[in-house]
C-alpha atoms as a PDB file:
ATOM      1  CA  MET A   1     -48.345   6.289  29.359  1.00  0.00           C
ATOM      2  CA  LEU A   2     -47.388   2.651  29.775  1.00  0.00           C
ATOM      3  CA  ALA A   3     -48.708   0.984  32.923  1.00  0.00           C
ATOM      4  CA  ILE A   4     -46.977  -1.984  34.515  1.00  0.00           C
ATOM      5  CA  ASN A   5     -49.180  -4.796  35.541  1.00  0.00           C
ATOM      6  CA  PRO A   6     -48.646  -5.381  39.349  1.00  0.00           C
ATOM      7  CA  LEU A   7     -48.636  -9.050  38.772  1.00  0.00           C
ATOM      8  CA  TYR A   8     -45.333  -8.835  36.873  1.00  0.00           C
ATOM      9  CA  ILE A   9     -43.443  -7.153  39.764  1.00  0.00           C
ATOM     10  CA  PRO A  10     -42.602 -10.421  41.640  1.00  0.00           C
ATOM     11  CA  PHE A  11     -41.155 -11.886  38.397  1.00  0.00           C
ATOM     12  CA  PHE A  12     -38.568  -9.138  37.968  1.00  0.00           C
ATOM     13  CA  PRO A  13     -36.221 -10.381  40.782  1.00  0.00           C
ATOM     14  CA  LEU A  14     -36.536 -13.975  39.492  1.00  0.00           C
ATOM     15  CA  GLY A  15     -35.795 -12.849  35.922  1.00  0.00           C
ATOM     16  CA  PHE A  16     -32.812 -10.776  37.064  1.00  0.00           C
ATOM     17  CA  VAL A  17     -31.325 -13.623  39.114  1.00  0.00           C
ATOM     18  CA  GLY A  18     -31.800 -16.029  36.148  1.00  0.00           C
ATOM     19  CA  PHE A  19     -30.174 -13.605  33.787  1.00  0.00           C
ATOM     20  CA  TRP A  20     -27.236 -13.019  36.205  1.00  0.00           C
ATOM     21  CA  ALA A  21     -26.710 -16.811  36.608  1.00  0.00           C
ATOM     22  CA  ALA A  22     -26.754 -17.247  32.838  1.00  0.00           C
ATOM     23  CA  ILE A  23     -24.111 -14.544  32.339  1.00  0.00           C
ATOM     24  CA  CYS A  24     -21.867 -16.081  35.009  1.00  0.00           C
ATOM     25  CA  TRP A  25     -22.190 -19.446  33.489  1.00  0.00           C
ATOM     26  CA  VAL A  26     -21.308 -18.200  29.985  1.00  0.00           C
ATOM     27  CA  ILE A  27     -18.195 -16.503  31.378  1.00  0.00           C
ATOM     28  CA  SER A  28     -17.101 -19.772  32.932  1.00  0.00           C
ATOM     29  CA  LEU A  29     -16.922 -21.399  29.538  1.00  0.00           C
ATOM     30  CA  ASN A  30     -13.765 -19.466  28.651  1.00  0.00           C
ATOM     31  CA  GLY A  31     -11.362 -21.622  30.587  1.00  0.00           C
ATOM     32  CA  TRP A  32     -12.731 -22.082  34.107  1.00  0.00           C
ATOM     33  CA  ARG A  33     -14.985 -24.975  33.146  1.00  0.00           C
ATOM     34  CA  GLN A  34     -12.171 -26.774  31.402  1.00  0.00           C
ATOM     35  CA  LEU A  35      -9.952 -26.448  34.550  1.00  0.00           C
ATOM     36  CA  ALA A  36     -12.850 -27.525  36.827  1.00  0.00           C
ATOM     37  CA  GLN A  37     -13.087 -30.835  34.992  1.00  0.00           C
ATOM     38  CA  HIS A  38      -9.657 -31.741  36.319  1.00  0.00           C
ATOM     39  CA  PHE A  39      -8.815 -29.479  39.311  1.00  0.00           C
ATOM     40  CA  ARG A  40     -12.039 -28.962  41.242  1.00  0.00           C
ATOM     41  CA  ALA A  41     -11.226 -28.208  44.876  1.00  0.00           C
ATOM     42  CA  HIS A  42     -12.901 -30.140  47.657  1.00  0.00           C
ATOM     43  CA  GLY A  43     -13.186 -28.034  50.785  1.00  0.00           C
ATOM     44  CA  GLU A  44     -11.483 -24.846  51.900  1.00  0.00           C
ATOM     45  CA  PRO A  45      -7.964 -23.709  50.927  1.00  0.00           C
ATOM     46  CA  PRO A  46      -5.210 -25.213  53.125  1.00  0.00           C
ATOM     47  CA  ALA A  47      -4.532 -23.397  56.375  1.00  0.00           C
ATOM     48  CA  LYS A  48      -0.943 -22.578  55.375  1.00  0.00           C
ATOM     49  CA  ALA A  49      -2.036 -20.780  52.188  1.00  0.00           C
ATOM     50  CA  ASP A  50      -0.947 -17.287  51.269  1.00  0.00           C
ATOM     51  CA  SER A  51      -4.228 -15.607  50.207  1.00  0.00           C
ATOM     52  CA  PHE A  52      -4.822 -12.711  47.887  1.00  0.00           C
ATOM     53  CA  TRP A  53      -8.409 -11.488  47.892  1.00  0.00           C
ATOM     54  CA  MET A  54     -10.328  -9.650  45.202  1.00  0.00           C
ATOM     55  CA  GLN A  55      -7.628  -9.934  42.512  1.00  0.00           C
ATOM     56  CA  ALA A  56      -7.821  -9.303  38.827  1.00  0.00           C
ATOM     57  CA  ALA A  57      -6.918 -11.914  36.234  1.00  0.00           C
ATOM     58  CA  SER A  58      -8.094 -13.291  32.948  1.00  0.00           C
ATOM     59  CA  MET A  59      -8.057 -16.747  31.399  1.00  0.00           C
ATOM     60  CA  ARG A  60      -8.674 -18.383  28.045  1.00  0.00           C
ATOM     61  CA  GLU A  61      -8.059 -21.677  26.393  1.00  0.00           C
ATOM     62  CA  VAL A  62      -4.675 -21.761  24.615  1.00  0.00           C
ATOM     63  CA  GLY A  63      -5.286 -21.236  20.905  1.00  0.00           C
ATOM     64  CA  ALA A  64      -8.704 -19.653  21.377  1.00  0.00           C
ATOM     65  CA  VAL A  65      -9.394 -16.408  19.609  1.00  0.00           C
ATOM     66  CA  GLY A  66     -10.424 -13.425  21.713  1.00  0.00           C
ATOM     67  CA  LEU A  67      -9.639 -12.066  25.200  1.00  0.00           C
ATOM     68  CA  GLY A  68     -11.246 -14.840  27.169  1.00  0.00           C
ATOM     69  CA  ALA A  69     -12.843 -14.314  30.549  1.00  0.00           C
ATOM     70  CA  SER A  70     -11.845 -11.368  32.712  1.00  0.00           C
ATOM     71  CA  TYR A  71     -12.165 -11.521  36.469  1.00  0.00           C
ATOM     72  CA  ARG A  72     -11.587  -7.959  37.772  1.00  0.00           C
ATOM     73  CA  GLY A  73     -11.719  -7.700  41.512  1.00  0.00           C
ATOM     74  CA  VAL A  74     -13.699 -10.915  42.039  1.00  0.00           C
ATOM     75  CA  LEU A  75     -10.976 -13.561  42.097  1.00  0.00           C
ATOM     76  CA  ASN A  76      -9.529 -14.999  45.293  1.00  0.00           C
ATOM     77  CA  ILE A  77      -6.120 -16.637  44.870  1.00  0.00           C
ATOM     78  CA  SER A  78      -4.350 -18.827  47.359  1.00  0.00           C
ATOM     79  CA  CYS A  79      -0.857 -20.316  47.136  1.00  0.00           C
ATOM     80  CA  SER A  80       0.017 -23.290  49.287  1.00  0.00           C
ATOM     81  CA  PRO A  81       2.265 -26.308  49.045  1.00  0.00           C
ATOM     82  CA  ALA A  82      -0.741 -28.240  47.643  1.00  0.00           C
ATOM     83  CA  GLY A  83      -1.100 -25.867  44.667  1.00  0.00           C
ATOM     84  CA  LEU A  84      -2.706 -22.730  43.363  1.00  0.00           C
ATOM     85  CA  GLY A  85      -6.229 -22.133  44.644  1.00  0.00           C
ATOM     86  CA  LEU A  86      -8.688 -20.078  42.626  1.00  0.00           C
ATOM     87  CA  SER A  87     -12.193 -19.096  43.579  1.00  0.00           C
ATOM     88  CA  VAL A  88     -14.592 -16.246  42.772  1.00  0.00           C
ATOM     89  CA  LEU A  89     -16.795 -14.179  45.091  1.00  0.00           C
ATOM     90  CA  PHE A  90     -20.146 -15.681  46.006  1.00  0.00           C
ATOM     91  CA  LEU A  91     -22.219 -13.514  43.659  1.00  0.00           C
ATOM     92  CA  PHE A  92     -20.291 -14.787  40.624  1.00  0.00           C
ATOM     93  CA  ARG A  93     -19.989 -18.476  41.745  1.00  0.00           C
ATOM     94  CA  VAL A  94     -22.453 -20.002  39.206  1.00  0.00           C
ATOM     95  CA  GLY A  95     -20.361 -22.147  36.861  1.00  0.00           C
ATOM     96  CA  HIS A  96     -17.193 -21.355  38.892  1.00  0.00           C
ATOM     97  CA  PRO A  97     -16.471 -24.107  41.455  1.00  0.00           C
ATOM     98  CA  PRO A  98     -13.339 -23.478  43.517  1.00  0.00           C
ATOM     99  CA  LEU A  99     -10.150 -24.869  41.906  1.00  0.00           C
ATOM    100  CA  LEU A 100      -6.939 -26.291  43.395  1.00  0.00           C
ATOM    101  CA  ILE A 101      -4.303 -26.648  40.687  1.00  0.00           C
ATOM    102  CA  PRO A 102      -1.248 -28.663  41.532  1.00  0.00           C
ATOM    103  CA  TRP A 103       2.104 -26.900  40.894  1.00  0.00           C
ATOM    104  CA  SER A 104       3.054 -29.732  38.477  1.00  0.00           C
ATOM    105  CA  ALA A 105       0.240 -28.673  36.108  1.00  0.00           C
ATOM    106  CA  ILE A 106       1.354 -25.025  36.020  1.00  0.00           C
ATOM    107  CA  GLY A 107       3.943 -23.961  33.430  1.00  0.00           C
ATOM    108  CA  PRO A 108       6.631 -21.350  34.035  1.00  0.00           C
ATOM    109  CA  VAL A 109       5.608 -17.762  34.709  1.00  0.00           C
ATOM    110  CA  GLU A 110       6.372 -15.465  31.802  1.00  0.00           C
ATOM    111  CA  TRP A 111       6.565 -11.727  32.277  1.00  0.00           C
ATOM    112  CA  LYS A 112       5.204  -9.576  29.421  1.00  0.00           C
ATOM    113  CA  GLN A 113       4.777  -5.916  28.576  1.00  0.00           C
ATOM    114  CA  GLY A 114       1.309  -4.505  27.990  1.00  0.00           C
ATOM    115  CA  LEU A 115       0.316  -2.196  25.158  1.00  0.00           C
ATOM    116  CA  PHE A 116       3.015   0.453  24.482  1.00  0.00           C
ATOM    117  CA  GLY A 117       4.989  -0.923  27.433  1.00  0.00           C
ATOM    118  CA  LEU A 118       2.794   0.880  29.975  1.00  0.00           C
ATOM    119  CA  SER A 119       2.069  -2.137  32.123  1.00  0.00           C
ATOM    120  CA  THR A 120       3.591  -5.426  33.086  1.00  0.00           C
ATOM    121  CA  TYR A 121       1.723  -8.683  33.595  1.00  0.00           C
ATOM    122  CA  CYS A 122       2.531 -12.307  33.744  1.00  0.00           C
ATOM    123  CA  THR A 123       1.077 -15.391  32.209  1.00  0.00           C
ATOM    124  CA  CYS A 124       1.280 -19.037  33.017  1.00  0.00           C
ATOM    125  CA  VAL A 125      -0.273 -22.021  31.224  1.00  0.00           C
ATOM    126  CA  VAL A 126      -2.166 -24.650  33.127  1.00  0.00           C
ATOM    127  CA  THR A 127      -2.157 -28.063  31.390  1.00  0.00           C
ATOM    128  CA  ALA A 128      -4.668 -30.767  32.262  1.00  0.00           C
ATOM    129  CA  PRO A 129      -3.328 -34.175  33.224  1.00  0.00           C
ATOM    130  CA  ASP A 130      -4.494 -35.684  29.926  1.00  0.00           C
ATOM    131  CA  GLY A 131      -2.580 -32.980  28.045  1.00  0.00           C
ATOM    132  CA  ALA A 132      -5.613 -32.259  25.845  1.00  0.00           C
ATOM    133  CA  THR A 133      -6.604 -28.974  27.571  1.00  0.00           C
ATOM    134  CA  ALA A 134      -4.413 -25.968  28.225  1.00  0.00           C
ATOM    135  CA  VAL A 135      -5.632 -22.714  29.713  1.00  0.00           C
ATOM    136  CA  GLU A 136      -3.597 -19.476  29.927  1.00  0.00           C
ATOM    137  CA  ILE A 137      -4.006 -17.397  33.075  1.00  0.00           C
ATOM    138  CA  ARG A 138      -2.959 -13.751  32.919  1.00  0.00           C
ATOM    139  CA  LEU A 139      -2.172 -12.131  36.324  1.00  0.00           C
ATOM    140  CA  ILE A 140      -1.744  -8.506  37.051  1.00  0.00           C
ATOM    141  CA  ASN A 141      -0.659  -8.531  40.713  1.00  0.00           C
ATOM    142  CA  ARG A 142       3.169  -8.906  40.855  1.00  0.00           C
ATOM    143  CA  ALA A 143       3.045 -10.310  44.388  1.00  0.00           C
ATOM    144  CA  VAL A 144       0.822 -13.202  43.310  1.00  0.00           C
ATOM    145  CA  ALA A 145       3.119 -13.988  40.365  1.00  0.00           C
ATOM    146  CA  GLU A 146       6.192 -13.941  42.604  1.00  0.00           C
ATOM    147  CA  GLN A 147       4.431 -16.256  45.048  1.00  0.00           C
ATOM    148  CA  ILE A 148       3.663 -18.682  42.261  1.00  0.00           C
ATOM    149  CA  GLU A 149       7.312 -18.555  41.098  1.00  0.00           C
ATOM    150  CA  ALA A 150       8.505 -19.219  44.659  1.00  0.00           C
ATOM    151  CA  TYR A 151       6.311 -22.296  45.055  1.00  0.00           C
ATOM    152  CA  GLN A 152       7.380 -23.584  41.643  1.00  0.00           C
ATOM    153  CA  GLN A 153      11.026 -23.247  42.675  1.00  0.00           C
ATOM    154  CA  LEU A 154      10.277 -25.097  45.913  1.00  0.00           C
ATOM    155  CA  GLN A 155       8.630 -27.865  43.990  1.00  0.00           C
ATOM    156  CA  SER A 156      11.546 -28.197  41.573  1.00  0.00           C
ATOM    157  CA  LEU A 157      13.976 -28.394  44.496  1.00  0.00           C
ATOM    158  CA  GLY A 158      11.876 -31.170  46.112  1.00  0.00           C
ATOM    159  CA  SER A 159      11.813 -33.361  43.001  1.00  0.00           C
END
């Protein structure tokens, strides 16, 4: 029988936390990090924000191969006149600073059918101010997508 050296027991939690942080950081490389270079939020979401907690979405760089990063039930979304706010729950925050994306950087919402037409989702493309980076965000919650469309319409009326 294999015996565990009691001196190793304190290192298990440290190793687990380090492994967890590394996984969260790697997930952030699929779009979040690129957005954070341009749209990092400073402070809390605006008080007049419509908030949607524990949402599901995915994101990936436009043109990248693969599914990208999936955020199932860990994404907090807020819509305000200032823009689209994105943040993840505390346990997943490593590599994921809060974002505040202005409405001018978000392309039109496109509705799409899932595999075999069983589900509906929407996508929108966020383009960085320099135009070099574009990240596609796929949302599942219809209420969030409708809120984004409403704010985009308000912005187009104001300009």
